[in-house]
């Protein structure tokens, strides 16, 4: 089946995708403590493939109407994410699928942190490249004017990931 940006995944598929990403993130970020992030954490975080991650749009320079969009990334492309909401829908209603541009957008990424979850703000301008290109990219310690390098803040919330 050919997938495009508007393809809706089943609830079972979306849950499996999120579970796989959570395991992947735990493996890759396992040696770091997200509650006390350092430069190495940010560098690794920017290189992750975010397909399957839980993202929320917290700020957008170009599409203010997308602020608050939250869900699981079903497709990551060079300049955009396709996010499918995971909210409970009335019987027969399709989940909403939204294409969100990376440029000018701040995302809140939920990552596993042991038994808790950690929320990290990522700047879309630092994620413009495809995941394959980001793995080999070297990031400068200082970001562009007005765009911090990667993370505005990191905090741990809740338990029972």
C-alpha atoms as a PDB file:
ATOM      1  CA  UNK A   1       0.000   0.000   0.000  1.00  0.00           C
ATOM      2  CA  UNK A   2       1.331   3.384  -0.945  1.00  0.00           C
ATOM      3  CA  UNK A   3       1.178   5.842   1.965  1.00  0.00           C
ATOM      4  CA  UNK A   4       0.622   9.527   1.597  1.00  0.00           C
ATOM      5  CA  UNK A   5       0.232  12.321   4.109  1.00  0.00           C
ATOM      6  CA  UNK A   6      -3.521  11.792   4.518  1.00  0.00           C
ATOM      7  CA  UNK A   7      -3.435   8.026   5.183  1.00  0.00           C
ATOM      8  CA  UNK A   8      -5.176   7.182   8.462  1.00  0.00           C
ATOM      9  CA  UNK A   9      -3.675   4.316  10.448  1.00  0.00           C
ATOM     10  CA  UNK A  10      -5.799   1.982  12.558  1.00  0.00           C
ATOM     11  CA  UNK A  11      -5.790   2.373  16.339  1.00  0.00           C
ATOM     12  CA  UNK A  12      -3.843  -0.895  16.638  1.00  0.00           C
ATOM     13  CA  UNK A  13      -1.197   0.255  14.137  1.00  0.00           C
ATOM     14  CA  UNK A  14      -0.828   3.656  15.785  1.00  0.00           C
ATOM     15  CA  UNK A  15      -0.370   2.047  19.220  1.00  0.00           C
ATOM     16  CA  UNK A  16       2.238  -0.372  17.847  1.00  0.00           C
ATOM     17  CA  UNK A  17       4.068   2.519  16.161  1.00  0.00           C
ATOM     18  CA  UNK A  18       4.123   4.524  19.405  1.00  0.00           C
ATOM     19  CA  UNK A  19       5.309   1.487  21.375  1.00  0.00           C
ATOM     20  CA  UNK A  20       8.117   0.814  18.892  1.00  0.00           C
ATOM     21  CA  UNK A  21       9.234   4.453  19.010  1.00  0.00           C
ATOM     22  CA  UNK A  22       9.183   4.432  22.802  1.00  0.00           C
ATOM     23  CA  UNK A  23      11.461   1.365  22.850  1.00  0.00           C
ATOM     24  CA  UNK A  24      13.726   2.961  20.251  1.00  0.00           C
ATOM     25  CA  UNK A  25      13.980   6.204  22.250  1.00  0.00           C
ATOM     26  CA  UNK A  26      14.711   4.322  25.493  1.00  0.00           C
ATOM     27  CA  UNK A  27      17.493   2.399  23.749  1.00  0.00           C
ATOM     28  CA  UNK A  28      19.093   5.416  22.091  1.00  0.00           C
ATOM     29  CA  UNK A  29      18.657   7.849  25.004  1.00  0.00           C
ATOM     30  CA  UNK A  30      19.163   5.259  27.751  1.00  0.00           C
ATOM     31  CA  UNK A  31      22.485   6.575  29.008  1.00  0.00           C
ATOM     32  CA  UNK A  32      21.137  10.125  29.481  1.00  0.00           C
ATOM     33  CA  UNK A  33      18.994  11.593  32.238  1.00  0.00           C
ATOM     34  CA  UNK A  34      16.384  13.822  30.560  1.00  0.00           C
ATOM     35  CA  UNK A  35      15.717  15.520  33.902  1.00  0.00           C
ATOM     36  CA  UNK A  36      19.324  16.821  33.780  1.00  0.00           C
ATOM     37  CA  UNK A  37      20.049  17.173  30.061  1.00  0.00           C
ATOM     38  CA  UNK A  38      23.499  17.985  28.707  1.00  0.00           C
ATOM     39  CA  UNK A  39      24.943  18.758  25.269  1.00  0.00           C
ATOM     40  CA  UNK A  40      25.265  15.059  24.404  1.00  0.00           C
ATOM     41  CA  UNK A  41      21.573  14.503  25.120  1.00  0.00           C
ATOM     42  CA  UNK A  42      20.536  17.336  22.795  1.00  0.00           C
ATOM     43  CA  UNK A  43      22.864  16.163  20.060  1.00  0.00           C
ATOM     44  CA  UNK A  44      21.442  12.633  20.157  1.00  0.00           C
ATOM     45  CA  UNK A  45      17.877  13.909  20.482  1.00  0.00           C
ATOM     46  CA  UNK A  46      18.154  15.934  17.270  1.00  0.00           C
ATOM     47  CA  UNK A  47      19.298  12.854  15.366  1.00  0.00           C
ATOM     48  CA  UNK A  48      16.313  10.676  16.298  1.00  0.00           C
ATOM     49  CA  UNK A  49      13.836   9.570  13.682  1.00  0.00           C
ATOM     50  CA  UNK A  50      10.571  10.905  15.091  1.00  0.00           C
ATOM     51  CA  UNK A  51       8.138   8.612  13.260  1.00  0.00           C
ATOM     52  CA  UNK A  52       6.038   7.152  16.081  1.00  0.00           C
ATOM     53  CA  UNK A  53       6.833   9.908  18.592  1.00  0.00           C
ATOM     54  CA  UNK A  54       4.180  11.854  20.460  1.00  0.00           C
ATOM     55  CA  UNK A  55       4.435  15.493  19.371  1.00  0.00           C
ATOM     56  CA  UNK A  56       2.438  18.582  20.235  1.00  0.00           C
ATOM     57  CA  UNK A  57       2.616  21.932  18.439  1.00  0.00           C
ATOM     58  CA  UNK A  58       3.185  24.598  21.100  1.00  0.00           C
ATOM     59  CA  UNK A  59       4.062  27.551  18.884  1.00  0.00           C
ATOM     60  CA  UNK A  60       3.936  28.250  15.161  1.00  0.00           C
ATOM     61  CA  UNK A  61       5.101  31.333  13.338  1.00  0.00           C
ATOM     62  CA  UNK A  62       3.234  30.543  10.108  1.00  0.00           C
ATOM     63  CA  UNK A  63       0.212  28.417  11.086  1.00  0.00           C
ATOM     64  CA  UNK A  64      -1.196  29.669  14.371  1.00  0.00           C
ATOM     65  CA  UNK A  65      -4.293  27.493  13.849  1.00  0.00           C
ATOM     66  CA  UNK A  66      -2.109  24.393  14.335  1.00  0.00           C
ATOM     67  CA  UNK A  67      -1.054  25.328  17.870  1.00  0.00           C
ATOM     68  CA  UNK A  68      -2.377  22.591  20.142  1.00  0.00           C
ATOM     69  CA  UNK A  69      -2.314  19.857  17.491  1.00  0.00           C
ATOM     70  CA  UNK A  70      -1.129  16.724  19.280  1.00  0.00           C
ATOM     71  CA  UNK A  71      -0.714  13.136  18.252  1.00  0.00           C
ATOM     72  CA  UNK A  72       1.631  10.504  16.942  1.00  0.00           C
ATOM     73  CA  UNK A  73       3.923  11.224  14.007  1.00  0.00           C
ATOM     74  CA  UNK A  74       2.941   8.839  11.226  1.00  0.00           C
ATOM     75  CA  UNK A  75       5.200  10.292   8.545  1.00  0.00           C
ATOM     76  CA  UNK A  76       8.290  12.467   8.785  1.00  0.00           C
ATOM     77  CA  UNK A  77       9.431  14.259   5.674  1.00  0.00           C
ATOM     78  CA  UNK A  78      12.193  16.790   5.109  1.00  0.00           C
ATOM     79  CA  UNK A  79      10.058  19.850   5.855  1.00  0.00           C
ATOM     80  CA  UNK A  80       7.029  18.458   7.651  1.00  0.00           C
ATOM     81  CA  UNK A  81       5.483  15.981  10.043  1.00  0.00           C
ATOM     82  CA  UNK A  82       2.180  14.191   9.503  1.00  0.00           C
ATOM     83  CA  UNK A  83       0.512  13.851  12.892  1.00  0.00           C
ATOM     84  CA  UNK A  84      -2.487  11.623  13.604  1.00  0.00           C
ATOM     85  CA  UNK A  85      -4.462  12.440  16.720  1.00  0.00           C
ATOM     86  CA  UNK A  86      -5.040   9.713  19.271  1.00  0.00           C
ATOM     87  CA  UNK A  87      -8.086  11.243  20.908  1.00  0.00           C
ATOM     88  CA  UNK A  88     -11.070   8.997  21.342  1.00  0.00           C
ATOM     89  CA  UNK A  89     -13.422   9.517  18.406  1.00  0.00           C
ATOM     90  CA  UNK A  90     -17.156   8.807  18.313  1.00  0.00           C
ATOM     91  CA  UNK A  91     -18.048   5.538  16.606  1.00  0.00           C
ATOM     92  CA  UNK A  92     -17.445   5.733  12.877  1.00  0.00           C
ATOM     93  CA  UNK A  93     -15.387   8.943  12.918  1.00  0.00           C
ATOM     94  CA  UNK A  94     -11.910   8.915  11.388  1.00  0.00           C
ATOM     95  CA  UNK A  95      -8.982  10.229  13.460  1.00  0.00           C
ATOM     96  CA  UNK A  96      -7.753  13.622  12.306  1.00  0.00           C
ATOM     97  CA  UNK A  97      -4.531  13.694  10.276  1.00  0.00           C
ATOM     98  CA  UNK A  98      -2.638  16.996  10.141  1.00  0.00           C
ATOM     99  CA  UNK A  99       0.428  17.960   8.133  1.00  0.00           C
ATOM    100  CA  UNK A 100       2.571  20.371  10.176  1.00  0.00           C
ATOM    101  CA  UNK A 101       5.466  22.291   8.678  1.00  0.00           C
ATOM    102  CA  UNK A 102       8.712  22.154  10.684  1.00  0.00           C
ATOM    103  CA  UNK A 103       9.998  25.645   9.821  1.00  0.00           C
ATOM    104  CA  UNK A 104       8.976  28.245  12.388  1.00  0.00           C
ATOM    105  CA  UNK A 105       7.306  25.721  14.697  1.00  0.00           C
ATOM    106  CA  UNK A 106       8.112  24.683  18.258  1.00  0.00           C
ATOM    107  CA  UNK A 107       7.167  21.127  19.170  1.00  0.00           C
ATOM    108  CA  UNK A 108       6.790  19.455  22.541  1.00  0.00           C
ATOM    109  CA  UNK A 109       8.190  15.935  22.347  1.00  0.00           C
ATOM    110  CA  UNK A 110       7.180  13.328  24.918  1.00  0.00           C
ATOM    111  CA  UNK A 111      10.031  10.911  25.592  1.00  0.00           C
ATOM    112  CA  UNK A 112      10.266   7.974  27.994  1.00  0.00           C
ATOM    113  CA  UNK A 113      12.420   8.618  31.064  1.00  0.00           C
ATOM    114  CA  UNK A 114      12.456   5.430  33.112  1.00  0.00           C
ATOM    115  CA  UNK A 115       9.025   5.092  34.659  1.00  0.00           C
ATOM    116  CA  UNK A 116       8.174   8.737  33.968  1.00  0.00           C
ATOM    117  CA  UNK A 117       7.756  10.824  30.844  1.00  0.00           C
ATOM    118  CA  UNK A 118       9.824  13.842  29.926  1.00  0.00           C
ATOM    119  CA  UNK A 119       8.582  16.766  27.849  1.00  0.00           C
ATOM    120  CA  UNK A 120      11.175  18.475  25.680  1.00  0.00           C
ATOM    121  CA  UNK A 121      10.669  21.453  23.384  1.00  0.00           C
ATOM    122  CA  UNK A 122      12.222  21.044  19.944  1.00  0.00           C
ATOM    123  CA  UNK A 123      12.599  23.817  17.408  1.00  0.00           C
ATOM    124  CA  UNK A 124      11.402  22.732  13.980  1.00  0.00           C
ATOM    125  CA  UNK A 125      14.081  24.819  12.263  1.00  0.00           C
ATOM    126  CA  UNK A 126      16.632  22.347  13.650  1.00  0.00           C
ATOM    127  CA  UNK A 127      14.662  19.391  12.268  1.00  0.00           C
ATOM    128  CA  UNK A 128      14.281  20.617   8.667  1.00  0.00           C
ATOM    129  CA  UNK A 129      16.481  17.864   7.281  1.00  0.00           C
ATOM    130  CA  UNK A 130      15.256  14.310   6.796  1.00  0.00           C
ATOM    131  CA  UNK A 131      16.065  11.835   9.597  1.00  0.00           C
ATOM    132  CA  UNK A 132      18.747  10.195   7.439  1.00  0.00           C
ATOM    133  CA  UNK A 133      20.467  13.549   6.850  1.00  0.00           C
ATOM    134  CA  UNK A 134      20.210  14.515  10.535  1.00  0.00           C
ATOM    135  CA  UNK A 135      22.186  11.446  11.647  1.00  0.00           C
ATOM    136  CA  UNK A 136      25.332  12.761   9.976  1.00  0.00           C
ATOM    137  CA  UNK A 137      24.732  16.477  10.489  1.00  0.00           C
ATOM    138  CA  UNK A 138      26.893  18.416  12.941  1.00  0.00           C
ATOM    139  CA  UNK A 139      25.008  20.948  15.019  1.00  0.00           C
ATOM    140  CA  UNK A 140      26.565  24.158  16.245  1.00  0.00           C
ATOM    141  CA  UNK A 141      26.376  24.965  19.945  1.00  0.00           C
ATOM    142  CA  UNK A 142      24.600  28.234  19.186  1.00  0.00           C
ATOM    143  CA  UNK A 143      21.495  28.345  17.046  1.00  0.00           C
ATOM    144  CA  UNK A 144      20.477  30.962  14.528  1.00  0.00           C
ATOM    145  CA  UNK A 145      19.398  34.381  15.718  1.00  0.00           C
ATOM    146  CA  UNK A 146      16.107  33.959  17.559  1.00  0.00           C
ATOM    147  CA  UNK A 147      16.179  30.183  17.316  1.00  0.00           C
ATOM    148  CA  UNK A 148      17.829  28.401  20.259  1.00  0.00           C
ATOM    149  CA  UNK A 149      19.776  25.290  19.345  1.00  0.00           C
ATOM    150  CA  UNK A 150      17.366  22.528  20.188  1.00  0.00           C
ATOM    151  CA  UNK A 151      15.605  22.630  23.482  1.00  0.00           C
ATOM    152  CA  UNK A 152      13.950  25.406  25.433  1.00  0.00           C
ATOM    153  CA  UNK A 153      13.287  23.315  28.496  1.00  0.00           C
ATOM    154  CA  UNK A 154      13.052  19.781  29.663  1.00  0.00           C
ATOM    155  CA  UNK A 155      10.907  18.525  32.501  1.00  0.00           C
ATOM    156  CA  UNK A 156       9.814  15.190  33.842  1.00  0.00           C
ATOM    157  CA  UNK A 157       6.142  14.506  34.424  1.00  0.00           C
ATOM    158  CA  UNK A 158       4.003  11.624  35.637  1.00  0.00           C
ATOM    159  CA  UNK A 159       4.841   7.981  35.891  1.00  0.00           C
ATOM    160  CA  UNK A 160       3.809   4.750  34.270  1.00  0.00           C
ATOM    161  CA  UNK A 161       4.944   5.269  30.691  1.00  0.00           C
END
